Amino acid sequence: MSTEKQPIAFIGLGNMGGPMAANLVAAGYPVTVYDMNKEAMTALESAGAATAASASEAVTGADVVISMLPNGDIVKSLYTGKQGLLKSLKRGTLVIDSSTIAAEDARTVAQAAKAAGVRMIDAPVSGGTAAAQAGTLTFICGGEAEDVAAARPILEAMGKNIFHAGASGAGQVAKICNNMLLAIHMIGTAEALNMGVRQGLDPKVLSAIMQASSGNNWSLQVYNPYPGVMENVPASHGYQGGFMVNLMAKDLGLAQELASKSHSAIPMGALAGQLYQLHKHAGAGELDFSSILQLLEERGE
């Protein structure tokens, strides 16, 4: 492991964070990880990362801190809570928060970081677990241009597309817009496939037809929601892994909040939010978001 590269603390080793941290280790960065899930830490230790007993221990001596957490409350608690990391991080530390949270929460933490002499960018990701594993994520960054530039070599070890959307919080705004669109076209894709299959079509054939036609979209290209059409997607593995319904429902709630604040009309986004909430409360919260197909199948019986 190279000692020339900046030591990194990585906090949050879920379906996305774990592969991201592993790619940093593979790129030669000295990485110390922390997660409440000890099995997740053990897996990263096997990959060559150091492990810590707490978040505060993980950041000791780190030049860069990366977090990938479920929601804004956890992010704010980690950095600005009673034992928040901003109290102990050395001045000049670069913090990269890749969680998807409300833009206002991102701005609040970034302002607190600036007051503590810490550089911070919001850098939520797109691409799903397959891209996290392959190191081909898209990072959507908000913050000062020089801080995004400083983060770029690190982000390039985990992704292939790095965008600077604007000031603090801008990365979150762009990510929420993207995820709202993702939910809408996933539901539409699932609706079309479900209807075609009920009329006797082969889902693989119908998918190929739509891919070559005007209905083509990302869900059809790389994340088909119908079981058995694509091998390496959650739909073909009982909708396990991937991006959970709980998280999509959370993101669509953030979209509703953003729309309200900006007086934006999002009728399709609002309907998508209702459907994912219904799916979540039906017990599918831990399944991948492409499992929305199951909700449509059940409603059609």
Protein backbone atom coordinates (compact mmCIF):
# COMPACT_ATOMS: atom_id res chain seq x y z
CA MET A 1 0.00 0.00 0.00
CA SER A 2 1.37 3.36 -1.02
CA THR A 3 2.28 5.78 1.75
CA GLU A 4 2.44 8.67 -0.72
CA LYS A 5 -1.29 8.91 -1.14
CA GLN A 6 -3.48 10.75 1.34
CA PRO A 7 -4.82 8.66 4.23
CA ILE A 8 -8.59 8.35 3.95
CA ALA A 9 -11.25 7.60 6.54
CA PHE A 10 -14.38 6.00 5.03
CA ILE A 11 -17.55 5.94 7.13
CA GLY A 12 -20.58 3.95 5.98
CA LEU A 13 -20.06 0.57 4.30
CA GLY A 14 -23.46 -0.34 2.89
CA ASN A 15 -24.27 -1.63 -0.58
CA MET A 16 -22.64 1.46 -2.10
CA GLY A 17 -20.05 2.49 0.47
CA GLY A 18 -18.43 -0.93 0.80
CA PRO A 19 -17.46 -1.28 -2.88
CA MET A 20 -16.41 2.39 -3.02
CA ALA A 21 -14.02 1.91 -0.10
CA ALA A 22 -12.69 -1.30 -1.65
CA ASN A 23 -11.86 0.56 -4.88
CA LEU A 24 -9.90 3.16 -2.92
CA VAL A 25 -7.90 0.39 -1.29
CA ALA A 26 -7.29 -1.20 -4.70
CA ALA A 27 -6.06 2.18 -5.97
CA GLY A 28 -3.39 2.23 -3.26
CA TYR A 29 -4.91 4.64 -0.77
CA PRO A 30 -4.38 3.98 2.95
CA VAL A 31 -8.02 3.58 4.03
CA THR A 32 -9.44 3.24 7.53
CA VAL A 33 -13.10 2.21 7.64
CA TYR A 34 -15.89 2.37 10.16
CA ASP A 35 -19.43 1.04 10.11
CA MET A 36 -21.80 -0.19 12.81
CA ASN A 37 -21.97 -3.44 10.84
CA LYS A 38 -18.88 -5.38 11.91
CA GLU A 39 -19.24 -7.87 9.05
CA ALA A 40 -18.94 -5.02 6.57
CA MET A 41 -15.74 -3.89 8.27
CA THR A 42 -14.35 -7.42 8.26
CA ALA A 43 -14.91 -7.64 4.50
CA LEU A 44 -12.97 -4.40 3.96
CA GLU A 45 -10.23 -5.54 6.30
CA SER A 46 -9.84 -8.63 4.13
CA ALA A 47 -9.48 -6.30 1.14
CA GLY A 48 -6.63 -4.42 2.84
CA ALA A 49 -8.30 -1.62 4.79
CA ALA A 50 -7.66 -0.80 8.42
CA THR A 51 -10.67 -0.83 10.73
CA ALA A 52 -11.64 1.45 13.61
CA ALA A 53 -13.83 1.05 16.69
CA SER A 54 -15.56 4.38 16.12
CA ALA A 55 -15.93 7.15 13.58
CA SER A 56 -13.73 9.43 15.65
CA GLU A 57 -10.99 6.79 15.73
CA ALA A 58 -11.31 6.27 11.98
CA VAL A 59 -10.61 9.93 11.19
CA THR A 60 -7.54 10.18 13.41
CA GLY A 61 -4.68 11.21 11.13
CA ALA A 62 -6.86 11.27 8.01
CA ASP A 63 -6.38 13.95 5.36
CA VAL A 64 -9.67 13.02 3.69
CA VAL A 65 -12.97 11.83 5.19
CA ILE A 66 -15.62 10.19 3.01
CA SER A 67 -19.09 9.40 4.30
CA MET A 68 -21.88 7.39 2.67
CA LEU A 69 -24.86 7.40 5.03
CA PRO A 70 -28.63 6.79 4.81
CA ASN A 71 -30.05 10.23 5.61
CA GLY A 72 -29.42 13.83 6.58
CA ASP A 73 -30.05 13.39 10.29
CA ILE A 74 -27.24 10.84 10.51
CA VAL A 75 -24.92 13.05 8.45
CA LYS A 76 -25.60 16.06 10.68
CA SER A 77 -25.13 13.98 13.82
CA LEU A 78 -21.83 12.58 12.53
CA TYR A 79 -20.32 15.96 11.79
CA THR A 80 -22.11 18.51 13.98
CA GLY A 81 -23.61 16.48 16.85
CA LYS A 82 -22.44 16.52 20.47
CA GLN A 83 -19.46 14.38 19.56
CA GLY A 84 -19.38 15.51 15.94
CA LEU A 85 -16.26 14.97 13.89
CA LEU A 86 -15.85 18.66 13.10
CA LYS A 87 -14.70 19.13 16.68
CA SER A 88 -11.72 16.83 16.13
CA LEU A 89 -10.78 17.04 12.45
CA LYS A 90 -7.56 18.90 11.77
CA ARG A 91 -7.81 22.16 9.87
CA GLY A 92 -7.65 21.69 6.11
CA THR A 93 -9.13 18.18 6.16
CA LEU A 94 -11.20 17.51 3.05
CA VAL A 95 -14.63 16.00 3.75
CA ILE A 96 -16.53 14.33 0.91
CA ASP A 97 -20.09 13.41 1.81
CA SER A 98 -21.54 11.06 -0.79
CA SER A 99 -24.83 10.52 1.02
CA THR A 100 -28.04 11.64 -0.67
CA ILE A 101 -29.61 14.19 1.68
CA ALA A 102 -31.58 17.43 1.55
CA ALA A 103 -29.65 20.27 -0.05
CA GLU A 104 -30.34 22.42 3.00
CA ASP A 105 -28.78 19.80 5.29
CA ALA A 106 -25.71 19.68 3.04
CA ARG A 107 -25.37 23.47 3.20
CA THR A 108 -25.78 23.49 6.98
CA VAL A 109 -22.99 20.96 7.51
CA ALA A 110 -20.75 22.66 4.93
CA GLN A 111 -21.14 26.01 6.73
CA ALA A 112 -20.23 24.38 10.04
CA ALA A 113 -17.22 22.74 8.39
CA LYS A 114 -16.05 26.06 6.99
CA ALA A 115 -16.29 27.64 10.44
CA ALA A 116 -14.12 24.80 11.77
CA GLY A 117 -11.49 25.28 9.06
CA VAL A 118 -12.50 22.08 7.28
CA ARG A 119 -13.12 21.84 3.52
CA MET A 120 -16.31 20.03 2.54
CA ILE A 121 -18.14 19.06 -0.63
CA ASP A 122 -21.39 17.20 -1.16
CA ALA A 123 -20.78 14.47 -3.74
CA PRO A 124 -23.77 12.13 -4.07
CA VAL A 125 -23.42 9.35 -6.61
CA SER A 126 -25.35 7.77 -9.45
CA GLY A 127 -24.91 4.43 -11.13
CA GLY A 128 -26.07 1.88 -8.58
CA THR A 129 -24.23 -0.99 -6.94
CA ALA A 130 -22.86 -2.37 -10.22
CA ALA A 131 -21.10 0.95 -10.91
CA ALA A 132 -19.91 1.13 -7.30
CA GLN A 133 -18.29 -2.28 -7.69
CA ALA A 134 -16.85 -1.49 -11.12
CA GLY A 135 -15.53 1.92 -10.07
CA THR A 136 -17.60 3.68 -12.72
CA LEU A 137 -19.87 5.84 -10.56
CA THR A 138 -20.96 9.35 -11.46
CA PHE A 139 -20.18 11.91 -8.75
CA ILE A 140 -22.34 15.05 -8.62
CA CYS A 141 -20.46 17.63 -6.58
CA GLY A 142 -21.43 20.80 -4.80
CA GLY A 143 -18.93 23.11 -3.11
CA GLU A 144 -15.94 25.33 -3.83
CA ALA A 145 -14.25 24.66 -7.17
CA GLU A 146 -10.82 24.22 -5.57
CA ASP A 147 -12.21 21.65 -3.12
CA VAL A 148 -13.86 19.69 -5.92
CA ALA A 149 -10.55 19.80 -7.80
CA ALA A 150 -8.73 18.48 -4.72
CA ALA A 151 -11.25 15.65 -4.43
CA ARG A 152 -11.11 14.70 -8.10
CA PRO A 153 -8.17 12.20 -7.98
CA ILE A 154 -9.88 10.39 -5.11
CA LEU A 155 -13.27 10.38 -6.83
CA GLU A 156 -11.64 9.09 -10.02
CA ALA A 157 -10.59 5.98 -8.10
CA MET A 158 -14.28 5.23 -7.57
CA GLY A 159 -15.97 6.72 -10.63
CA LYS A 160 -15.61 7.77 -14.25
CA ASN A 161 -17.78 10.91 -14.35
CA ILE A 162 -17.22 13.83 -11.99
CA PHE A 163 -19.47 16.87 -12.30
CA HIS A 164 -19.28 20.17 -10.42
CA ALA A 165 -22.94 21.22 -10.19
CA GLY A 166 -22.33 24.45 -8.28
CA ALA A 167 -22.05 25.74 -4.71
CA SER A 168 -22.68 23.65 -1.57
CA GLY A 169 -25.93 21.75 -1.88
CA ALA A 170 -25.98 21.87 -5.67
CA GLY A 171 -24.82 18.27 -5.90
CA GLN A 172 -27.78 17.21 -3.80
CA VAL A 173 -30.25 19.21 -5.90
CA ALA A 174 -28.98 17.56 -9.10
CA LYS A 175 -29.00 14.10 -7.50
CA ILE A 176 -32.58 14.50 -6.27
CA CYS A 177 -33.69 15.59 -9.75
CA ASN A 178 -31.95 12.55 -11.22
CA ASN A 179 -33.42 10.08 -8.75
CA MET A 180 -36.93 11.42 -9.26
CA LEU A 181 -36.52 10.81 -13.00
CA LEU A 182 -35.05 7.36 -12.27
CA ALA A 183 -38.10 6.41 -10.22
CA ILE A 184 -40.45 7.63 -12.94
CA HIS A 185 -38.81 5.69 -15.77
CA MET A 186 -38.39 2.57 -13.63
CA ILE A 187 -42.11 2.57 -12.88
CA GLY A 188 -42.92 3.18 -16.55
CA THR A 189 -40.60 0.38 -17.63
CA ALA A 190 -42.14 -2.02 -15.11
CA GLU A 191 -45.66 -1.04 -16.23
CA ALA A 192 -44.86 -1.68 -19.90
CA LEU A 193 -43.17 -5.02 -19.24
CA ASN A 194 -45.95 -6.19 -16.94
CA MET A 195 -48.62 -5.30 -19.50
CA GLY A 196 -46.73 -6.96 -22.36
CA VAL A 197 -46.11 -10.17 -20.42
CA ARG A 198 -49.81 -10.33 -19.47
CA GLN A 199 -50.53 -10.27 -23.20
CA GLY A 200 -48.23 -13.22 -23.78
CA LEU A 201 -45.01 -11.46 -24.82
CA ASP A 202 -41.58 -12.72 -23.78
CA PRO A 203 -40.09 -10.07 -21.46
CA LYS A 204 -36.66 -10.46 -23.09
CA VAL A 205 -38.09 -9.89 -26.56
CA LEU A 206 -40.21 -6.96 -25.43
CA SER A 207 -37.20 -5.42 -23.66
CA ALA A 208 -35.10 -5.73 -26.83
CA ILE A 209 -37.86 -4.12 -28.88
CA MET A 210 -38.19 -1.17 -26.50
CA GLN A 211 -34.41 -0.76 -26.28
CA ALA A 212 -34.33 -0.30 -30.04
CA SER A 213 -37.33 2.02 -30.02
CA SER A 214 -38.42 5.34 -28.56
CA GLY A 215 -39.15 3.88 -25.12
CA ASN A 216 -35.46 3.12 -24.47
CA ASN A 217 -34.09 4.23 -21.09
CA TRP A 218 -31.50 3.38 -18.43
CA SER A 219 -33.78 0.90 -16.65
CA LEU A 220 -34.10 -1.10 -19.87
CA GLN A 221 -30.46 -0.79 -20.80
CA VAL A 222 -28.72 -1.82 -17.58
CA TYR A 223 -31.24 -2.48 -14.77
CA ASN A 224 -34.19 -4.42 -16.16
CA PRO A 225 -36.88 -4.92 -13.48
CA TYR A 226 -38.24 -8.19 -14.91
CA PRO A 227 -36.67 -11.35 -13.42
CA GLY A 228 -34.51 -13.35 -15.78
CA VAL A 229 -34.07 -10.72 -18.49
CA MET A 230 -30.63 -9.63 -17.26
CA GLU A 231 -28.35 -11.83 -15.18
CA ASN A 232 -26.45 -9.39 -12.99
CA VAL A 233 -29.27 -7.18 -11.71
CA PRO A 234 -31.30 -7.43 -8.49
CA ALA A 235 -34.46 -8.49 -10.35
CA SER A 236 -32.80 -11.79 -11.21
CA HIS A 237 -31.69 -12.36 -7.62
CA GLY A 238 -34.93 -11.93 -5.70
CA TYR A 239 -34.52 -8.14 -5.78
CA GLN A 240 -31.75 -8.41 -3.19
CA GLY A 241 -28.92 -5.88 -3.00
CA GLY A 242 -28.99 -2.74 -5.08
CA PHE A 243 -30.83 0.45 -4.14
CA MET A 244 -33.47 -0.22 -1.52
CA VAL A 245 -37.10 0.85 -1.78
CA ASN A 246 -36.65 2.58 1.60
CA LEU A 247 -33.99 4.82 0.10
CA MET A 248 -35.93 5.58 -3.07
CA ALA A 249 -38.95 6.52 -0.97
CA LYS A 250 -36.71 8.80 1.08
CA ASP A 251 -35.28 10.45 -2.03
CA LEU A 252 -38.73 11.03 -3.51
CA GLY A 253 -39.70 12.68 -0.23
CA LEU A 254 -36.71 14.98 -0.65
CA ALA A 255 -37.92 15.74 -4.18
CA GLN A 256 -41.32 16.74 -2.80
CA GLU A 257 -39.67 19.06 -0.28
CA LEU A 258 -37.48 20.61 -2.97
CA ALA A 259 -40.45 21.07 -5.29
CA SER A 260 -42.41 22.80 -2.54
CA LYS A 261 -39.58 25.20 -1.77
CA SER A 262 -38.99 26.03 -5.44
CA HIS A 263 -42.68 26.09 -6.43
CA SER A 264 -42.03 23.38 -9.03
CA ALA A 265 -44.78 21.19 -10.46
CA ILE A 266 -43.84 17.50 -10.21
CA PRO A 267 -47.06 15.51 -10.78
CA MET A 268 -45.20 12.43 -12.04
CA GLY A 269 -42.65 12.67 -9.24
CA ALA A 270 -45.43 12.97 -6.67
CA LEU A 271 -47.19 9.88 -8.05
CA ALA A 272 -43.91 7.96 -8.05
CA GLY A 273 -43.44 8.92 -4.41
CA GLN A 274 -46.90 7.62 -3.52
CA LEU A 275 -46.27 4.31 -5.28
CA TYR A 276 -42.93 3.75 -3.57
CA GLN A 277 -44.43 4.63 -0.19
CA LEU A 278 -47.20 2.08 -0.86
CA HIS A 279 -44.61 -0.52 -1.86
CA LYS A 280 -42.52 0.26 1.22
CA HIS A 281 -45.46 -0.07 3.60
CA ALA A 282 -46.43 -3.35 1.95
CA GLY A 283 -43.20 -4.78 3.35
CA ALA A 284 -40.84 -4.31 0.42
CA GLY A 285 -38.64 -1.64 2.01
CA GLU A 286 -35.48 -3.79 2.04
CA LEU A 287 -35.86 -4.91 -1.58
CA ASP A 288 -34.28 -3.20 -4.56
CA PHE A 289 -36.35 -0.37 -6.03
CA SER A 290 -36.86 -2.29 -9.29
CA SER A 291 -39.16 -4.57 -7.27
CA ILE A 292 -41.87 -1.97 -7.96
CA LEU A 293 -42.82 -4.51 -10.67
CA GLN A 294 -44.17 -6.73 -7.90
CA LEU A 295 -46.52 -3.99 -6.71
CA LEU A 296 -47.88 -3.61 -10.24
CA GLU A 297 -48.29 -7.38 -10.62
CA GLU A 298 -50.21 -7.60 -7.35
CA ARG A 299 -52.49 -4.69 -8.23
CA GLY A 300 -53.30 -6.32 -11.54
CA GLU A 301 -54.52 -9.62 -10.09
